[in-house]
């Protein structure tokens, strides 16, 4: 089993989900008391948010690049940035590494294409929905991403930062998100990307009016696939 390196803390609410999913997936696939080999560096999200608000993406890239190198030095055989938004600077981080950076957009595009979905609605932070990095990379991989209108983008962004990242999951906000999904389904969306790693805290991808793709789960699975490689034909029995 190869060691997974996680850059977490953005927010720590979703980092907890990454840790749980990776361990559950390893246990499910290997059996017994198997768990994931991983190392995590959790950053102070307040510092990263300040860089986002200032548009200082070079500083953010330098910060996460330094963290990635520490994880590599600690024995990580692959690196994950545990957030969609910070994949805006993923290529800059990856360029400093000698181990693979598993890219959340690439893995999500693979899942969409495997399911035959071509017009997904992206629910994410304003940075992810409005900067070109996400849609452009998806398009290069054969997927045309749709985003809600400006007012709905503000609603989604505020729910993520003011509520989900602070550990608040409100029924009223879930209702707002479902209303946005229904509007975009009427406009031709054929699937939903939970394109913020916190959105899985408020929306179940299996209980949406369109097929849902949870980027947190997709990313964690890609890491486990990399870590384990070929799964033994028989699960290891607990001692």
C-alpha atoms as a PDB file:
ATOM      1  CA  UNK A   1       0.000   0.000   0.000  1.00  0.00           C
ATOM      2  CA  UNK A   2       1.402   3.375  -1.006  1.00  0.00           C
ATOM      3  CA  UNK A   3       1.050   6.402   1.258  1.00  0.00           C
ATOM      4  CA  UNK A   4      -1.516   9.090   0.385  1.00  0.00           C
ATOM      5  CA  UNK A   5      -0.631  12.711   1.116  1.00  0.00           C
ATOM      6  CA  UNK A   6      -3.548  15.017   1.927  1.00  0.00           C
ATOM      7  CA  UNK A   7      -3.393  18.810   1.969  1.00  0.00           C
ATOM      8  CA  UNK A   8      -6.330  19.497   4.264  1.00  0.00           C
ATOM      9  CA  UNK A   9      -7.947  22.220   6.316  1.00  0.00           C
ATOM     10  CA  UNK A  10      -9.778  23.941   3.440  1.00  0.00           C
ATOM     11  CA  UNK A  11     -12.071  23.553   5.309  1.00  0.00           C
ATOM     12  CA  UNK A  12     -11.385  20.971   8.003  1.00  0.00           C
ATOM     13  CA  UNK A  13     -15.061  19.980   7.751  1.00  0.00           C
ATOM     14  CA  UNK A  14     -14.403  18.321   4.390  1.00  0.00           C
ATOM     15  CA  UNK A  15     -10.948  17.068   5.387  1.00  0.00           C
ATOM     16  CA  UNK A  16     -12.668  14.889   7.976  1.00  0.00           C
ATOM     17  CA  UNK A  17     -14.761  13.395   5.154  1.00  0.00           C
ATOM     18  CA  UNK A  18     -11.637  12.647   3.079  1.00  0.00           C
ATOM     19  CA  UNK A  19     -10.015  10.857   6.014  1.00  0.00           C
ATOM     20  CA  UNK A  20     -13.120   8.817   6.767  1.00  0.00           C
ATOM     21  CA  UNK A  21     -13.802   7.877   3.146  1.00  0.00           C
ATOM     22  CA  UNK A  22     -10.223   6.821   2.408  1.00  0.00           C
ATOM     23  CA  UNK A  23     -10.151   4.549   5.443  1.00  0.00           C
ATOM     24  CA  UNK A  24     -13.613   3.115   4.803  1.00  0.00           C
ATOM     25  CA  UNK A  25     -12.727   2.360   1.171  1.00  0.00           C
ATOM     26  CA  UNK A  26      -9.502   0.591   2.126  1.00  0.00           C
ATOM     27  CA  UNK A  27     -11.284  -1.474   4.773  1.00  0.00           C
ATOM     28  CA  UNK A  28     -14.057  -2.381   2.339  1.00  0.00           C
ATOM     29  CA  UNK A  29     -11.605  -3.482  -0.334  1.00  0.00           C
ATOM     30  CA  UNK A  30      -9.008  -5.251   1.800  1.00  0.00           C
ATOM     31  CA  UNK A  31     -11.197  -6.447   4.656  1.00  0.00           C
ATOM     32  CA  UNK A  32     -10.398  -7.101   8.287  1.00  0.00           C
ATOM     33  CA  UNK A  33      -9.000  -4.100  10.114  1.00  0.00           C
ATOM     34  CA  UNK A  34      -7.253  -2.645   7.054  1.00  0.00           C
ATOM     35  CA  UNK A  35      -6.976   1.137   6.962  1.00  0.00           C
ATOM     36  CA  UNK A  36      -5.306   3.707   4.738  1.00  0.00           C
ATOM     37  CA  UNK A  37      -1.634   4.633   4.848  1.00  0.00           C
ATOM     38  CA  UNK A  38      -1.787   8.422   4.729  1.00  0.00           C
ATOM     39  CA  UNK A  39      -0.256  11.644   5.978  1.00  0.00           C
ATOM     40  CA  UNK A  40      -2.158  14.923   6.251  1.00  0.00           C
ATOM     41  CA  UNK A  41      -1.045  18.509   6.654  1.00  0.00           C
ATOM     42  CA  UNK A  42      -3.971  20.685   7.687  1.00  0.00           C
ATOM     43  CA  UNK A  43      -3.464  24.396   6.971  1.00  0.00           C
ATOM     44  CA  UNK A  44      -5.036  27.411   8.682  1.00  0.00           C
ATOM     45  CA  UNK A  45      -7.982  28.071   6.365  1.00  0.00           C
ATOM     46  CA  UNK A  46      -8.292  31.700   7.506  1.00  0.00           C
ATOM     47  CA  UNK A  47      -4.924  32.426   5.885  1.00  0.00           C
ATOM     48  CA  UNK A  48      -5.932  30.726   2.638  1.00  0.00           C
ATOM     49  CA  UNK A  49      -9.277  32.558   2.520  1.00  0.00           C
ATOM     50  CA  UNK A  50      -7.442  35.877   2.896  1.00  0.00           C
ATOM     51  CA  UNK A  51      -5.322  34.986  -0.140  1.00  0.00           C
ATOM     52  CA  UNK A  52      -8.440  34.030  -2.094  1.00  0.00           C
ATOM     53  CA  UNK A  53     -10.206  37.289  -1.280  1.00  0.00           C
ATOM     54  CA  UNK A  54      -7.096  39.284  -2.253  1.00  0.00           C
ATOM     55  CA  UNK A  55      -6.715  37.328  -5.483  1.00  0.00           C
ATOM     56  CA  UNK A  56      -3.173  36.454  -4.412  1.00  0.00           C
ATOM     57  CA  UNK A  57      -3.104  33.044  -6.055  1.00  0.00           C
ATOM     58  CA  UNK A  58       0.692  33.064  -6.373  1.00  0.00           C
ATOM     59  CA  UNK A  59       1.026  33.271  -2.598  1.00  0.00           C
ATOM     60  CA  UNK A  60      -1.527  30.467  -2.250  1.00  0.00           C
ATOM     61  CA  UNK A  61       0.408  28.346  -4.741  1.00  0.00           C
ATOM     62  CA  UNK A  62       3.642  28.935  -2.841  1.00  0.00           C
ATOM     63  CA  UNK A  63       1.984  28.034   0.475  1.00  0.00           C
ATOM     64  CA  UNK A  64       0.385  24.829  -0.757  1.00  0.00           C
ATOM     65  CA  UNK A  65       3.487  23.934  -2.746  1.00  0.00           C
ATOM     66  CA  UNK A  66       5.549  24.084   0.438  1.00  0.00           C
ATOM     67  CA  UNK A  67       3.003  21.867   2.191  1.00  0.00           C
ATOM     68  CA  UNK A  68       3.023  19.386  -0.679  1.00  0.00           C
ATOM     69  CA  UNK A  69       6.807  19.117  -0.486  1.00  0.00           C
ATOM     70  CA  UNK A  70       6.583  18.405   3.243  1.00  0.00           C
ATOM     71  CA  UNK A  71       4.117  15.610   2.586  1.00  0.00           C
ATOM     72  CA  UNK A  72       6.361  14.193  -0.117  1.00  0.00           C
ATOM     73  CA  UNK A  73       9.314  14.308   2.295  1.00  0.00           C
ATOM     74  CA  UNK A  74       7.153  12.511   4.869  1.00  0.00           C
ATOM     75  CA  UNK A  75       6.756   9.595   2.496  1.00  0.00           C
ATOM     76  CA  UNK A  76       3.645  10.413   0.460  1.00  0.00           C
ATOM     77  CA  UNK A  77       3.571   8.644  -2.906  1.00  0.00           C
ATOM     78  CA  UNK A  78       0.788  10.889  -4.226  1.00  0.00           C
ATOM     79  CA  UNK A  79      -0.661  14.254  -3.227  1.00  0.00           C
ATOM     80  CA  UNK A  80      -4.261  15.461  -3.035  1.00  0.00           C
ATOM     81  CA  UNK A  81      -5.377  19.055  -2.553  1.00  0.00           C
ATOM     82  CA  UNK A  82      -8.560  18.436  -0.566  1.00  0.00           C
ATOM     83  CA  UNK A  83     -10.612  21.232  -2.087  1.00  0.00           C
ATOM     84  CA  UNK A  84     -11.899  22.108  -5.558  1.00  0.00           C
ATOM     85  CA  UNK A  85     -11.200  25.842  -5.440  1.00  0.00           C
ATOM     86  CA  UNK A  86      -7.484  25.498  -4.796  1.00  0.00           C
ATOM     87  CA  UNK A  87      -7.097  23.412  -7.926  1.00  0.00           C
ATOM     88  CA  UNK A  88      -6.885  26.816  -9.565  1.00  0.00           C
ATOM     89  CA  UNK A  89      -3.198  26.592  -8.624  1.00  0.00           C
ATOM     90  CA  UNK A  90      -2.844  22.777  -8.811  1.00  0.00           C
ATOM     91  CA  UNK A  91      -0.495  22.854 -11.797  1.00  0.00           C
ATOM     92  CA  UNK A  92       1.868  25.192  -9.936  1.00  0.00           C
ATOM     93  CA  UNK A  93       1.883  22.850  -6.953  1.00  0.00           C
ATOM     94  CA  UNK A  94       2.340  19.750  -9.118  1.00  0.00           C
ATOM     95  CA  UNK A  95       5.323  21.313 -10.901  1.00  0.00           C
ATOM     96  CA  UNK A  96       7.279  21.248  -7.625  1.00  0.00           C
ATOM     97  CA  UNK A  97       6.701  17.557  -6.950  1.00  0.00           C
ATOM     98  CA  UNK A  98       8.323  14.331  -8.062  1.00  0.00           C
ATOM     99  CA  UNK A  99       5.226  12.310  -7.101  1.00  0.00           C
ATOM    100  CA  UNK A 100       1.814  12.552  -8.813  1.00  0.00           C
ATOM    101  CA  UNK A 101      -0.778  15.128  -7.824  1.00  0.00           C
ATOM    102  CA  UNK A 102      -4.176  13.488  -8.246  1.00  0.00           C
ATOM    103  CA  UNK A 103      -6.338  16.178  -9.859  1.00  0.00           C
ATOM    104  CA  UNK A 104      -9.942  16.453  -8.681  1.00  0.00           C
ATOM    105  CA  UNK A 105     -11.220  17.869 -11.990  1.00  0.00           C
ATOM    106  CA  UNK A 106      -9.640  15.101 -14.054  1.00  0.00           C
ATOM    107  CA  UNK A 107     -11.091  12.392 -11.832  1.00  0.00           C
ATOM    108  CA  UNK A 108     -14.547  13.990 -11.849  1.00  0.00           C
ATOM    109  CA  UNK A 109     -14.481  14.285 -15.641  1.00  0.00           C
ATOM    110  CA  UNK A 110     -13.668  10.580 -15.889  1.00  0.00           C
ATOM    111  CA  UNK A 111     -16.691   9.732 -13.740  1.00  0.00           C
ATOM    112  CA  UNK A 112     -19.001  11.988 -15.760  1.00  0.00           C
ATOM    113  CA  UNK A 113     -17.845  10.564 -19.076  1.00  0.00           C
ATOM    114  CA  UNK A 114     -18.144   6.989 -17.834  1.00  0.00           C
ATOM    115  CA  UNK A 115     -21.776   7.757 -16.955  1.00  0.00           C
ATOM    116  CA  UNK A 116     -22.445   9.415 -20.310  1.00  0.00           C
ATOM    117  CA  UNK A 117     -23.091  12.851 -18.801  1.00  0.00           C
ATOM    118  CA  UNK A 118     -22.091  15.857 -20.897  1.00  0.00           C
ATOM    119  CA  UNK A 119     -23.911  18.905 -19.448  1.00  0.00           C
ATOM    120  CA  UNK A 120     -23.361  18.867 -15.689  1.00  0.00           C
ATOM    121  CA  UNK A 121     -24.395  21.709 -13.414  1.00  0.00           C
ATOM    122  CA  UNK A 122     -21.512  22.864 -11.214  1.00  0.00           C
ATOM    123  CA  UNK A 123     -22.337  23.790  -7.609  1.00  0.00           C
ATOM    124  CA  UNK A 124     -19.242  25.319  -6.041  1.00  0.00           C
ATOM    125  CA  UNK A 125     -17.621  28.439  -4.616  1.00  0.00           C
ATOM    126  CA  UNK A 126     -17.720  31.613  -6.669  1.00  0.00           C
ATOM    127  CA  UNK A 127     -14.014  31.167  -7.428  1.00  0.00           C
ATOM    128  CA  UNK A 128     -14.602  27.708  -8.900  1.00  0.00           C
ATOM    129  CA  UNK A 129     -17.740  28.692 -10.811  1.00  0.00           C
ATOM    130  CA  UNK A 130     -16.479  32.010 -12.173  1.00  0.00           C
ATOM    131  CA  UNK A 131     -12.745  31.547 -12.795  1.00  0.00           C
ATOM    132  CA  UNK A 132     -12.114  29.731 -16.042  1.00  0.00           C
ATOM    133  CA  UNK A 133      -9.860  27.018 -14.662  1.00  0.00           C
ATOM    134  CA  UNK A 134     -12.618  24.505 -13.873  1.00  0.00           C
ATOM    135  CA  UNK A 135     -14.772  24.849 -16.971  1.00  0.00           C
ATOM    136  CA  UNK A 136     -11.747  25.091 -19.275  1.00  0.00           C
ATOM    137  CA  UNK A 137     -10.146  21.927 -17.932  1.00  0.00           C
ATOM    138  CA  UNK A 138     -13.470  20.085 -18.061  1.00  0.00           C
ATOM    139  CA  UNK A 139     -13.994  21.203 -21.657  1.00  0.00           C
ATOM    140  CA  UNK A 140     -10.535  19.961 -22.616  1.00  0.00           C
ATOM    141  CA  UNK A 141     -11.640  16.583 -21.239  1.00  0.00           C
ATOM    142  CA  UNK A 142     -14.879  16.555 -23.233  1.00  0.00           C
ATOM    143  CA  UNK A 143     -17.353  17.881 -20.653  1.00  0.00           C
ATOM    144  CA  UNK A 144     -19.298  21.166 -20.957  1.00  0.00           C
ATOM    145  CA  UNK A 145     -19.940  22.507 -17.470  1.00  0.00           C
ATOM    146  CA  UNK A 146     -22.929  24.730 -16.723  1.00  0.00           C
ATOM    147  CA  UNK A 147     -23.104  27.216 -13.847  1.00  0.00           C
ATOM    148  CA  UNK A 148     -26.107  28.898 -12.219  1.00  0.00           C
ATOM    149  CA  UNK A 149     -26.914  32.580 -12.809  1.00  0.00           C
ATOM    150  CA  UNK A 150     -25.202  35.326 -10.816  1.00  0.00           C
ATOM    151  CA  UNK A 151     -27.774  35.505  -8.017  1.00  0.00           C
ATOM    152  CA  UNK A 152     -27.732  31.752  -7.506  1.00  0.00           C
ATOM    153  CA  UNK A 153     -23.939  31.689  -7.557  1.00  0.00           C
ATOM    154  CA  UNK A 154     -23.974  34.163  -4.672  1.00  0.00           C
ATOM    155  CA  UNK A 155     -26.417  31.992  -2.720  1.00  0.00           C
ATOM    156  CA  UNK A 156     -24.264  28.886  -3.190  1.00  0.00           C
ATOM    157  CA  UNK A 157     -21.014  30.686  -2.321  1.00  0.00           C
ATOM    158  CA  UNK A 158     -22.515  32.138   0.864  1.00  0.00           C
ATOM    159  CA  UNK A 159     -23.910  28.767   1.963  1.00  0.00           C
ATOM    160  CA  UNK A 160     -20.474  27.208   1.546  1.00  0.00           C
ATOM    161  CA  UNK A 161     -18.420  29.844   3.368  1.00  0.00           C
ATOM    162  CA  UNK A 162     -20.877  31.158   5.943  1.00  0.00           C
ATOM    163  CA  UNK A 163     -22.453  27.830   6.862  1.00  0.00           C
ATOM    164  CA  UNK A 164     -20.847  24.582   5.679  1.00  0.00           C
ATOM    165  CA  UNK A 165     -17.248  25.628   6.353  1.00  0.00           C
ATOM    166  CA  UNK A 166     -18.408  26.679   9.830  1.00  0.00           C
ATOM    167  CA  UNK A 167     -20.083  23.334  10.500  1.00  0.00           C
ATOM    168  CA  UNK A 168     -23.643  24.591   9.955  1.00  0.00           C
ATOM    169  CA  UNK A 169     -26.021  22.453   7.860  1.00  0.00           C
ATOM    170  CA  UNK A 170     -29.389  24.169   7.507  1.00  0.00           C
ATOM    171  CA  UNK A 171     -32.581  22.724   6.043  1.00  0.00           C
ATOM    172  CA  UNK A 172     -33.453  26.122   4.596  1.00  0.00           C
ATOM    173  CA  UNK A 173     -30.186  26.192   2.645  1.00  0.00           C
ATOM    174  CA  UNK A 174     -30.732  22.658   1.385  1.00  0.00           C
ATOM    175  CA  UNK A 175     -34.106  23.828   0.053  1.00  0.00           C
ATOM    176  CA  UNK A 176     -32.433  26.754  -1.742  1.00  0.00           C
ATOM    177  CA  UNK A 177     -29.907  24.437  -3.379  1.00  0.00           C
ATOM    178  CA  UNK A 178     -32.618  22.047  -4.513  1.00  0.00           C
ATOM    179  CA  UNK A 179     -34.536  24.964  -6.045  1.00  0.00           C
ATOM    180  CA  UNK A 180     -31.420  25.971  -7.987  1.00  0.00           C
ATOM    181  CA  UNK A 181     -30.990  22.399  -9.215  1.00  0.00           C
ATOM    182  CA  UNK A 182     -34.612  22.253 -10.394  1.00  0.00           C
ATOM    183  CA  UNK A 183     -34.235  25.523 -12.327  1.00  0.00           C
ATOM    184  CA  UNK A 184     -31.089  24.312 -14.049  1.00  0.00           C
ATOM    185  CA  UNK A 185     -32.603  20.912 -14.825  1.00  0.00           C
ATOM    186  CA  UNK A 186     -35.337  22.790 -16.703  1.00  0.00           C
ATOM    187  CA  UNK A 187     -32.577  24.637 -18.570  1.00  0.00           C
ATOM    188  CA  UNK A 188     -30.955  21.418 -19.779  1.00  0.00           C
ATOM    189  CA  UNK A 189     -28.503  20.252 -17.119  1.00  0.00           C
ATOM    190  CA  UNK A 190     -28.157  16.455 -17.219  1.00  0.00           C
ATOM    191  CA  UNK A 191     -26.268  15.912 -13.935  1.00  0.00           C
ATOM    192  CA  UNK A 192     -24.958  17.675 -10.832  1.00  0.00           C
ATOM    193  CA  UNK A 193     -21.344  18.169  -9.783  1.00  0.00           C
ATOM    194  CA  UNK A 194     -20.996  18.682  -6.043  1.00  0.00           C
ATOM    195  CA  UNK A 195     -18.009  20.852  -6.905  1.00  0.00           C
ATOM    196  CA  UNK A 196     -17.120  21.977  -3.418  1.00  0.00           C
ATOM    197  CA  UNK A 197     -15.843  19.374  -1.001  1.00  0.00           C
ATOM    198  CA  UNK A 198     -18.278  20.609   1.671  1.00  0.00           C
ATOM    199  CA  UNK A 199     -21.458  20.305  -0.408  1.00  0.00           C
ATOM    200  CA  UNK A 200     -21.683  16.586   0.339  1.00  0.00           C
ATOM    201  CA  UNK A 201     -22.456  17.662   3.910  1.00  0.00           C
ATOM    202  CA  UNK A 202     -25.792  19.142   2.799  1.00  0.00           C
ATOM    203  CA  UNK A 203     -26.682  17.288  -0.429  1.00  0.00           C
ATOM    204  CA  UNK A 204     -26.736  13.521  -0.930  1.00  0.00           C
ATOM    205  CA  UNK A 205     -25.662  12.836  -4.538  1.00  0.00           C
ATOM    206  CA  UNK A 206     -27.950   9.792  -4.604  1.00  0.00           C
ATOM    207  CA  UNK A 207     -31.036  11.791  -3.639  1.00  0.00           C
ATOM    208  CA  UNK A 208     -31.060  14.484  -6.306  1.00  0.00           C
ATOM    209  CA  UNK A 209     -33.432  14.917  -9.270  1.00  0.00           C
ATOM    210  CA  UNK A 210     -30.433  14.381 -11.580  1.00  0.00           C
ATOM    211  CA  UNK A 211     -27.429  12.039 -11.248  1.00  0.00           C
ATOM    212  CA  UNK A 212     -25.046  13.493  -8.672  1.00  0.00           C
ATOM    213  CA  UNK A 213     -21.253  13.377  -8.707  1.00  0.00           C
ATOM    214  CA  UNK A 214     -19.620  14.022  -5.332  1.00  0.00           C
ATOM    215  CA  UNK A 215     -16.110  15.314  -5.990  1.00  0.00           C
ATOM    216  CA  UNK A 216     -14.981  14.512  -2.444  1.00  0.00           C
ATOM    217  CA  UNK A 217     -15.846  10.826  -2.805  1.00  0.00           C
ATOM    218  CA  UNK A 218     -14.495  10.671  -6.361  1.00  0.00           C
ATOM    219  CA  UNK A 219     -11.184  12.220  -5.291  1.00  0.00           C
ATOM    220  CA  UNK A 220     -10.827   9.967  -2.257  1.00  0.00           C
ATOM    221  CA  UNK A 221     -11.532   6.882  -4.376  1.00  0.00           C
ATOM    222  CA  UNK A 222      -8.862   7.895  -6.891  1.00  0.00           C
ATOM    223  CA  UNK A 223      -6.356   8.159  -4.050  1.00  0.00           C
ATOM    224  CA  UNK A 224      -7.272   4.714  -2.734  1.00  0.00           C
ATOM    225  CA  UNK A 225      -7.055   3.244  -6.242  1.00  0.00           C
ATOM    226  CA  UNK A 226      -3.557   4.682  -6.536  1.00  0.00           C
ATOM    227  CA  UNK A 227      -2.532   3.532  -3.079  1.00  0.00           C
ATOM    228  CA  UNK A 228      -3.743  -0.058  -3.284  1.00  0.00           C
ATOM    229  CA  UNK A 229      -3.226  -0.886  -6.935  1.00  0.00           C
ATOM    230  CA  UNK A 230      -4.339  -4.445  -7.559  1.00  0.00           C
ATOM    231  CA  UNK A 231      -6.684  -5.665  -4.845  1.00  0.00           C
ATOM    232  CA  UNK A 232      -6.045  -9.246  -3.647  1.00  0.00           C
ATOM    233  CA  UNK A 233      -8.625 -11.783  -4.784  1.00  0.00           C
ATOM    234  CA  UNK A 234      -9.429 -12.697  -1.170  1.00  0.00           C
ATOM    235  CA  UNK A 235      -9.814 -10.119   1.587  1.00  0.00           C
ATOM    236  CA  UNK A 236      -7.477 -10.359   4.538  1.00  0.00           C
ATOM    237  CA  UNK A 237      -9.224 -11.766   7.595  1.00  0.00           C
ATOM    238  CA  UNK A 238      -9.037  -9.909  10.853  1.00  0.00           C
ATOM    239  CA  UNK A 239      -6.549 -11.326  13.330  1.00  0.00           C
END
